[in-house]
Amino acid sequence: MGMAINNPVIVTALYDIGRDKWEKFTQSYGGYIHWMERTLSLDSNLVIYTQQKFKDEIESYRRKYDVNLEKTIIVIQELEELEGYKLYNQKLNDLMFSDVFLQKAHFDVPEMDKPLYNVIMFNKVYWIKHCVDNGYFDNDFVIWADAGGLREPVEVYQGKVWPNIEKINNLDNNKITFLVIMTHLVYMIINGILYHRLEIFKVQHFLYHQI
């Protein structure tokens, strides 16, 4: 039995977590918003969560592709207001800077040493829930997309309708679809349950081109 999706919505977000000052994986926010333009160029209903400091620039980019913002909702939530921040920020700081964790962390990546990075990762489910609860665009299918996840020239994405509703509606909603991250599975098998638990800090991001 197929799906019956009519109003898909893409949810994305941009927050200042100090990335412009990181020792590694550094990126200025001007550069990140430049990447974000690829997502903003899609011909899709977009709900964008961000801070007041980024609102005008994001809106300016989006208006190039959605002049009257008919397919755009920008929601302002400051970092300290996020459920992920309130629930996890202090706990993540206590854990990730503890001697026990520092001895076990097996990747030199933001997921392992930047608590605010993980706050944003964990908050994705709360943004999706907020979009659903508020019924933005009368949505019946909500998709997360990282703001800076698209890196090809903007012309590749500009005006493209995504996701493909026809393909979505051909999915069998009587079945569960699993996405297996092989590197994650290998670490779990080779290094055991401890490394599997640590992997919760190494969240993988995907844009599902097949839909």
C-alpha atoms as a PDB file:
ATOM      1  CA  MET A   1       0.000   0.000   0.000  1.00  0.00           C
ATOM      2  CA  GLY A   2       1.498   3.332  -1.032  1.00  0.00           C
ATOM      3  CA  MET A   3       1.789   6.619   0.776  1.00  0.00           C
ATOM      4  CA  ALA A   4      -0.583   9.561   0.302  1.00  0.00           C
ATOM      5  CA  ILE A   5       1.662  12.596   0.788  1.00  0.00           C
ATOM      6  CA  ASN A   6       0.491  15.964  -0.520  1.00  0.00           C
ATOM      7  CA  ASN A   7       2.308  18.672   1.460  1.00  0.00           C
ATOM      8  CA  PRO A   8       5.950  17.893   2.184  1.00  0.00           C
ATOM      9  CA  VAL A   9       7.952  20.492   4.102  1.00  0.00           C
ATOM     10  CA  ILE A  10      11.699  20.865   4.483  1.00  0.00           C
ATOM     11  CA  VAL A  11      12.941  21.915   7.915  1.00  0.00           C
ATOM     12  CA  THR A  12      16.387  23.426   8.346  1.00  0.00           C
ATOM     13  CA  ALA A  13      18.256  25.646  10.808  1.00  0.00           C
ATOM     14  CA  LEU A  14      21.259  27.914  11.235  1.00  0.00           C
ATOM     15  CA  TYR A  15      22.767  28.751  14.643  1.00  0.00           C
ATOM     16  CA  ASP A  16      25.933  30.366  15.928  1.00  0.00           C
ATOM     17  CA  ILE A  17      27.784  27.681  17.883  1.00  0.00           C
ATOM     18  CA  GLY A  18      31.172  29.348  17.583  1.00  0.00           C
ATOM     19  CA  ARG A  19      32.210  27.481  14.457  1.00  0.00           C
ATOM     20  CA  ASP A  20      34.096  30.488  13.122  1.00  0.00           C
ATOM     21  CA  LYS A  21      36.476  30.143  16.100  1.00  0.00           C
ATOM     22  CA  TRP A  22      37.027  26.372  16.077  1.00  0.00           C
ATOM     23  CA  GLU A  23      40.545  25.003  15.760  1.00  0.00           C
ATOM     24  CA  LYS A  24      39.398  22.495  13.102  1.00  0.00           C
ATOM     25  CA  PHE A  25      36.409  22.230  10.756  1.00  0.00           C
ATOM     26  CA  THR A  26      36.296  26.017  10.923  1.00  0.00           C
ATOM     27  CA  GLN A  27      33.767  27.909   8.836  1.00  0.00           C
ATOM     28  CA  SER A  28      32.722  31.541   8.894  1.00  0.00           C
ATOM     29  CA  TYR A  29      29.002  32.137   9.110  1.00  0.00           C
ATOM     30  CA  GLY A  30      29.141  34.232   5.964  1.00  0.00           C
ATOM     31  CA  GLY A  31      30.555  31.194   4.200  1.00  0.00           C
ATOM     32  CA  TYR A  32      27.962  28.906   5.755  1.00  0.00           C
ATOM     33  CA  ILE A  33      25.086  31.094   4.624  1.00  0.00           C
ATOM     34  CA  HIS A  34      26.657  31.059   1.158  1.00  0.00           C
ATOM     35  CA  TRP A  35      26.378  27.249   1.258  1.00  0.00           C
ATOM     36  CA  MET A  36      22.868  27.593   2.630  1.00  0.00           C
ATOM     37  CA  GLU A  37      21.794  29.456  -0.501  1.00  0.00           C
ATOM     38  CA  ARG A  38      21.699  26.103  -2.312  1.00  0.00           C
ATOM     39  CA  THR A  39      19.019  24.855   0.071  1.00  0.00           C
ATOM     40  CA  LEU A  40      17.216  28.198  -0.059  1.00  0.00           C
ATOM     41  CA  SER A  41      17.085  28.002  -3.868  1.00  0.00           C
ATOM     42  CA  LEU A  42      14.878  24.885  -3.877  1.00  0.00           C
ATOM     43  CA  ASP A  43      11.280  25.261  -5.023  1.00  0.00           C
ATOM     44  CA  SER A  44       9.989  23.760  -1.793  1.00  0.00           C
ATOM     45  CA  ASN A  45       8.093  24.771   1.301  1.00  0.00           C
ATOM     46  CA  LEU A  46      10.788  25.689   3.815  1.00  0.00           C
ATOM     47  CA  VAL A  47      10.604  26.203   7.570  1.00  0.00           C
ATOM     48  CA  ILE A  48      13.833  27.801   8.761  1.00  0.00           C
ATOM     49  CA  TYR A  49      14.783  27.991  12.432  1.00  0.00           C
ATOM     50  CA  THR A  50      17.441  30.534  13.306  1.00  0.00           C
ATOM     51  CA  GLN A  51      18.548  33.381  15.549  1.00  0.00           C
ATOM     52  CA  GLN A  52      17.608  37.010  15.064  1.00  0.00           C
ATOM     53  CA  LYS A  53      21.191  37.827  14.035  1.00  0.00           C
ATOM     54  CA  PHE A  54      20.880  35.680  10.885  1.00  0.00           C
ATOM     55  CA  LYS A  55      17.270  36.444   9.936  1.00  0.00           C
ATOM     56  CA  ASP A  56      17.790  39.353   7.525  1.00  0.00           C
ATOM     57  CA  GLU A  57      20.574  37.683   5.554  1.00  0.00           C
ATOM     58  CA  ILE A  58      18.718  34.377   5.248  1.00  0.00           C
ATOM     59  CA  GLU A  59      15.567  36.208   4.158  1.00  0.00           C
ATOM     60  CA  SER A  60      17.516  38.198   1.587  1.00  0.00           C
ATOM     61  CA  TYR A  61      18.897  35.028  -0.005  1.00  0.00           C
ATOM     62  CA  ARG A  62      15.532  33.274   0.062  1.00  0.00           C
ATOM     63  CA  ARG A  63      13.717  36.179  -1.594  1.00  0.00           C
ATOM     64  CA  LYS A  64      15.857  35.637  -4.689  1.00  0.00           C
ATOM     65  CA  TYR A  65      13.938  32.376  -5.198  1.00  0.00           C
ATOM     66  CA  ASP A  66      10.704  32.957  -3.258  1.00  0.00           C
ATOM     67  CA  VAL A  67      10.117  36.672  -3.765  1.00  0.00           C
ATOM     68  CA  ASN A  68       7.056  37.013  -1.554  1.00  0.00           C
ATOM     69  CA  LEU A  69       8.089  34.295   0.893  1.00  0.00           C
ATOM     70  CA  GLU A  70       4.967  32.339   0.025  1.00  0.00           C
ATOM     71  CA  LYS A  71       6.840  29.086   0.575  1.00  0.00           C
ATOM     72  CA  THR A  72       8.950  30.275   3.475  1.00  0.00           C
ATOM     73  CA  ILE A  73       8.484  30.476   7.238  1.00  0.00           C
ATOM     74  CA  ILE A  74      11.334  31.784   9.377  1.00  0.00           C
ATOM     75  CA  VAL A  75      11.041  30.993  13.072  1.00  0.00           C
ATOM     76  CA  ILE A  76      13.243  32.880  15.534  1.00  0.00           C
ATOM     77  CA  GLN A  77      14.403  30.863  18.523  1.00  0.00           C
ATOM     78  CA  GLU A  78      17.545  31.944  20.313  1.00  0.00           C
ATOM     79  CA  LEU A  79      20.083  29.276  21.225  1.00  0.00           C
ATOM     80  CA  GLU A  80      19.334  29.334  24.937  1.00  0.00           C
ATOM     81  CA  GLU A  81      15.613  28.848  24.209  1.00  0.00           C
ATOM     82  CA  LEU A  82      16.088  25.539  22.408  1.00  0.00           C
ATOM     83  CA  GLU A  83      14.854  22.384  24.127  1.00  0.00           C
ATOM     84  CA  GLY A  84      18.104  20.683  23.189  1.00  0.00           C
ATOM     85  CA  TYR A  85      20.085  23.420  24.900  1.00  0.00           C
ATOM     86  CA  LYS A  86      17.998  23.425  28.060  1.00  0.00           C
ATOM     87  CA  LEU A  87      17.999  19.649  28.351  1.00  0.00           C
ATOM     88  CA  TYR A  88      21.494  18.713  27.244  1.00  0.00           C
ATOM     89  CA  ASN A  89      23.980  21.591  27.153  1.00  0.00           C
ATOM     90  CA  GLN A  90      25.220  21.330  30.732  1.00  0.00           C
ATOM     91  CA  LYS A  91      25.131  17.529  30.688  1.00  0.00           C
ATOM     92  CA  LEU A  92      27.132  17.453  27.460  1.00  0.00           C
ATOM     93  CA  ASN A  93      29.716  19.852  28.860  1.00  0.00           C
ATOM     94  CA  ASP A  94      30.076  17.794  32.028  1.00  0.00           C
ATOM     95  CA  LEU A  95      30.419  14.577  30.038  1.00  0.00           C
ATOM     96  CA  MET A  96      32.555  15.640  27.090  1.00  0.00           C
ATOM     97  CA  PHE A  97      35.186  17.415  29.184  1.00  0.00           C
ATOM     98  CA  SER A  98      35.390  14.645  31.757  1.00  0.00           C
ATOM     99  CA  ASP A  99      38.598  12.597  31.989  1.00  0.00           C
ATOM    100  CA  VAL A 100      36.713   9.376  31.336  1.00  0.00           C
ATOM    101  CA  PHE A 101      35.205  10.651  28.094  1.00  0.00           C
ATOM    102  CA  LEU A 102      38.421  12.295  26.881  1.00  0.00           C
ATOM    103  CA  GLN A 103      40.262   8.998  27.321  1.00  0.00           C
ATOM    104  CA  LYS A 104      37.671   7.135  25.262  1.00  0.00           C
ATOM    105  CA  ALA A 105      36.793   9.610  22.501  1.00  0.00           C
ATOM    106  CA  HIS A 106      38.062   7.998  19.307  1.00  0.00           C
ATOM    107  CA  PHE A 107      37.549  10.724  16.680  1.00  0.00           C
ATOM    108  CA  ASP A 108      38.953  14.255  16.553  1.00  0.00           C
ATOM    109  CA  VAL A 109      35.707  15.708  15.243  1.00  0.00           C
ATOM    110  CA  PRO A 110      33.166  18.284  16.534  1.00  0.00           C
ATOM    111  CA  GLU A 111      30.836  15.505  17.648  1.00  0.00           C
ATOM    112  CA  MET A 112      33.470  14.530  20.189  1.00  0.00           C
ATOM    113  CA  ASP A 113      34.617  17.880  21.556  1.00  0.00           C
ATOM    114  CA  LYS A 114      32.018  20.571  20.805  1.00  0.00           C
ATOM    115  CA  PRO A 115      28.979  20.307  23.101  1.00  0.00           C
ATOM    116  CA  LEU A 116      27.014  22.987  21.237  1.00  0.00           C
ATOM    117  CA  TYR A 117      27.422  21.063  17.996  1.00  0.00           C
ATOM    118  CA  ASN A 118      25.634  18.155  19.639  1.00  0.00           C
ATOM    119  CA  VAL A 119      22.993  20.448  21.115  1.00  0.00           C
ATOM    120  CA  ILE A 120      22.059  21.389  17.546  1.00  0.00           C
ATOM    121  CA  MET A 121      22.124  17.742  16.424  1.00  0.00           C
ATOM    122  CA  PHE A 122      19.842  16.716  19.275  1.00  0.00           C
ATOM    123  CA  ASN A 123      17.479  19.637  18.708  1.00  0.00           C
ATOM    124  CA  LYS A 124      16.619  18.556  15.168  1.00  0.00           C
ATOM    125  CA  VAL A 125      13.815  16.332  16.443  1.00  0.00           C
ATOM    126  CA  TYR A 126      12.387  19.256  18.437  1.00  0.00           C
ATOM    127  CA  TRP A 127      12.386  21.508  15.361  1.00  0.00           C
ATOM    128  CA  ILE A 128      10.634  18.824  13.354  1.00  0.00           C
ATOM    129  CA  LYS A 129       8.098  18.361  16.149  1.00  0.00           C
ATOM    130  CA  HIS A 130       7.560  22.135  16.346  1.00  0.00           C
ATOM    131  CA  CYS A 131       6.868  22.227  12.602  1.00  0.00           C
ATOM    132  CA  VAL A 132       4.387  19.355  12.863  1.00  0.00           C
ATOM    133  CA  ASP A 133       2.664  20.712  15.984  1.00  0.00           C
ATOM    134  CA  ASN A 134       2.197  24.130  14.366  1.00  0.00           C
ATOM    135  CA  GLY A 135       0.916  22.648  11.114  1.00  0.00           C
ATOM    136  CA  TYR A 136       3.166  24.831   8.964  1.00  0.00           C
ATOM    137  CA  PHE A 137       2.014  24.633   5.324  1.00  0.00           C
ATOM    138  CA  ASP A 138      -0.579  22.083   6.435  1.00  0.00           C
ATOM    139  CA  ASN A 139       2.277  19.576   6.270  1.00  0.00           C
ATOM    140  CA  ASP A 140       1.825  15.823   6.086  1.00  0.00           C
ATOM    141  CA  PHE A 141       5.492  14.933   5.518  1.00  0.00           C
ATOM    142  CA  VAL A 142       8.406  16.711   7.219  1.00  0.00           C
ATOM    143  CA  ILE A 143      12.012  16.313   6.109  1.00  0.00           C
ATOM    144  CA  TRP A 144      15.156  17.528   7.803  1.00  0.00           C
ATOM    145  CA  ALA A 145      17.866  19.042   5.563  1.00  0.00           C
ATOM    146  CA  ASP A 146      21.103  20.518   6.880  1.00  0.00           C
ATOM    147  CA  ALA A 147      21.341  24.187   5.913  1.00  0.00           C
ATOM    148  CA  GLY A 148      24.809  23.817   4.399  1.00  0.00           C
ATOM    149  CA  GLY A 149      24.515  20.265   3.146  1.00  0.00           C
ATOM    150  CA  LEU A 150      24.400  21.084  -0.571  1.00  0.00           C
ATOM    151  CA  ARG A 151      27.743  22.105  -2.066  1.00  0.00           C
ATOM    152  CA  GLU A 152      27.416  22.024  -5.850  1.00  0.00           C
ATOM    153  CA  PRO A 153      26.881  25.324  -7.741  1.00  0.00           C
ATOM    154  CA  VAL A 154      23.523  26.877  -6.886  1.00  0.00           C
ATOM    155  CA  GLU A 155      22.347  26.381 -10.492  1.00  0.00           C
ATOM    156  CA  VAL A 156      22.217  22.636  -9.823  1.00  0.00           C
ATOM    157  CA  TYR A 157      19.448  23.143  -7.256  1.00  0.00           C
ATOM    158  CA  GLN A 158      17.751  26.403  -8.210  1.00  0.00           C
ATOM    159  CA  GLY A 159      14.034  25.970  -8.819  1.00  0.00           C
ATOM    160  CA  LYS A 160      14.133  22.200  -8.326  1.00  0.00           C
ATOM    161  CA  VAL A 161      11.035  20.710  -6.694  1.00  0.00           C
ATOM    162  CA  TRP A 162      12.179  18.458  -3.868  1.00  0.00           C
ATOM    163  CA  PRO A 163      11.234  15.950  -2.637  1.00  0.00           C
ATOM    164  CA  ASN A 164       9.685  13.982  -5.480  1.00  0.00           C
ATOM    165  CA  ILE A 165       6.151  13.345  -4.199  1.00  0.00           C
ATOM    166  CA  GLU A 166       5.504  10.647  -6.795  1.00  0.00           C
ATOM    167  CA  LYS A 167       8.465   8.615  -5.550  1.00  0.00           C
ATOM    168  CA  ILE A 168       7.474   9.120  -1.924  1.00  0.00           C
ATOM    169  CA  ASN A 169       3.948   7.944  -2.603  1.00  0.00           C
ATOM    170  CA  ASN A 170       5.275   4.779  -4.208  1.00  0.00           C
ATOM    171  CA  LEU A 171       6.866   3.733  -0.907  1.00  0.00           C
ATOM    172  CA  ASP A 172       5.151   0.923   0.953  1.00  0.00           C
ATOM    173  CA  ASN A 173       3.890   2.369   4.234  1.00  0.00           C
ATOM    174  CA  ASN A 174       3.335  -1.140   5.585  1.00  0.00           C
ATOM    175  CA  LYS A 175       7.091  -1.623   5.752  1.00  0.00           C
ATOM    176  CA  ILE A 176       9.848  -0.037   7.775  1.00  0.00           C
ATOM    177  CA  THR A 177      12.778   1.299   5.787  1.00  0.00           C
ATOM    178  CA  PHE A 178      16.189   1.058   7.446  1.00  0.00           C
ATOM    179  CA  LEU A 179      19.229   3.145   6.582  1.00  0.00           C
ATOM    180  CA  VAL A 180      22.401   1.326   7.608  1.00  0.00           C
ATOM    181  CA  ILE A 181      25.585   3.347   8.060  1.00  0.00           C
ATOM    182  CA  MET A 182      28.284   0.791   7.318  1.00  0.00           C
ATOM    183  CA  THR A 183      31.152   2.611   9.034  1.00  0.00           C
ATOM    184  CA  HIS A 184      28.994   2.889  12.142  1.00  0.00           C
ATOM    185  CA  LEU A 185      28.241  -0.843  11.987  1.00  0.00           C
ATOM    186  CA  VAL A 186      31.910  -1.755  11.535  1.00  0.00           C
ATOM    187  CA  TYR A 187      32.972   0.292  14.564  1.00  0.00           C
ATOM    188  CA  MET A 188      30.262  -1.313  16.624  1.00  0.00           C
ATOM    189  CA  ILE A 189      31.371  -4.813  15.633  1.00  0.00           C
ATOM    190  CA  ILE A 190      35.145  -4.281  15.909  1.00  0.00           C
ATOM    191  CA  ASN A 191      35.296  -2.069  18.979  1.00  0.00           C
ATOM    192  CA  GLY A 192      32.311  -3.346  20.903  1.00  0.00           C
ATOM    193  CA  ILE A 193      29.398  -1.755  22.702  1.00  0.00           C
ATOM    194  CA  LEU A 194      31.444   1.066  24.267  1.00  0.00           C
ATOM    195  CA  TYR A 195      32.288   2.499  20.863  1.00  0.00           C
ATOM    196  CA  HIS A 196      28.722   1.980  19.737  1.00  0.00           C
ATOM    197  CA  ARG A 197      27.593   4.194  22.609  1.00  0.00           C
ATOM    198  CA  LEU A 198      30.207   6.809  21.798  1.00  0.00           C
ATOM    199  CA  GLU A 199      28.938   6.886  18.238  1.00  0.00           C
ATOM    200  CA  ILE A 200      25.816   8.731  19.374  1.00  0.00           C
ATOM    201  CA  PHE A 201      28.063  11.802  19.295  1.00  0.00           C
ATOM    202  CA  LYS A 202      28.952  11.221  15.651  1.00  0.00           C
ATOM    203  CA  VAL A 203      25.642  11.862  13.919  1.00  0.00           C
ATOM    204  CA  GLN A 204      25.663  11.332  10.178  1.00  0.00           C
ATOM    205  CA  HIS A 205      23.714  13.604   7.845  1.00  0.00           C
ATOM    206  CA  PHE A 206      22.074  12.617   4.607  1.00  0.00           C
ATOM    207  CA  LEU A 207      20.102  14.324   1.882  1.00  0.00           C
ATOM    208  CA  TYR A 208      17.964  11.629   0.299  1.00  0.00           C
ATOM    209  CA  HIS A 209      18.433  12.248  -3.410  1.00  0.00           C
ATOM    210  CA  GLN A 210      16.359   9.167  -4.176  1.00  0.00           C
ATOM    211  CA  ILE A 211      13.232  10.963  -2.970  1.00  0.00           C
END
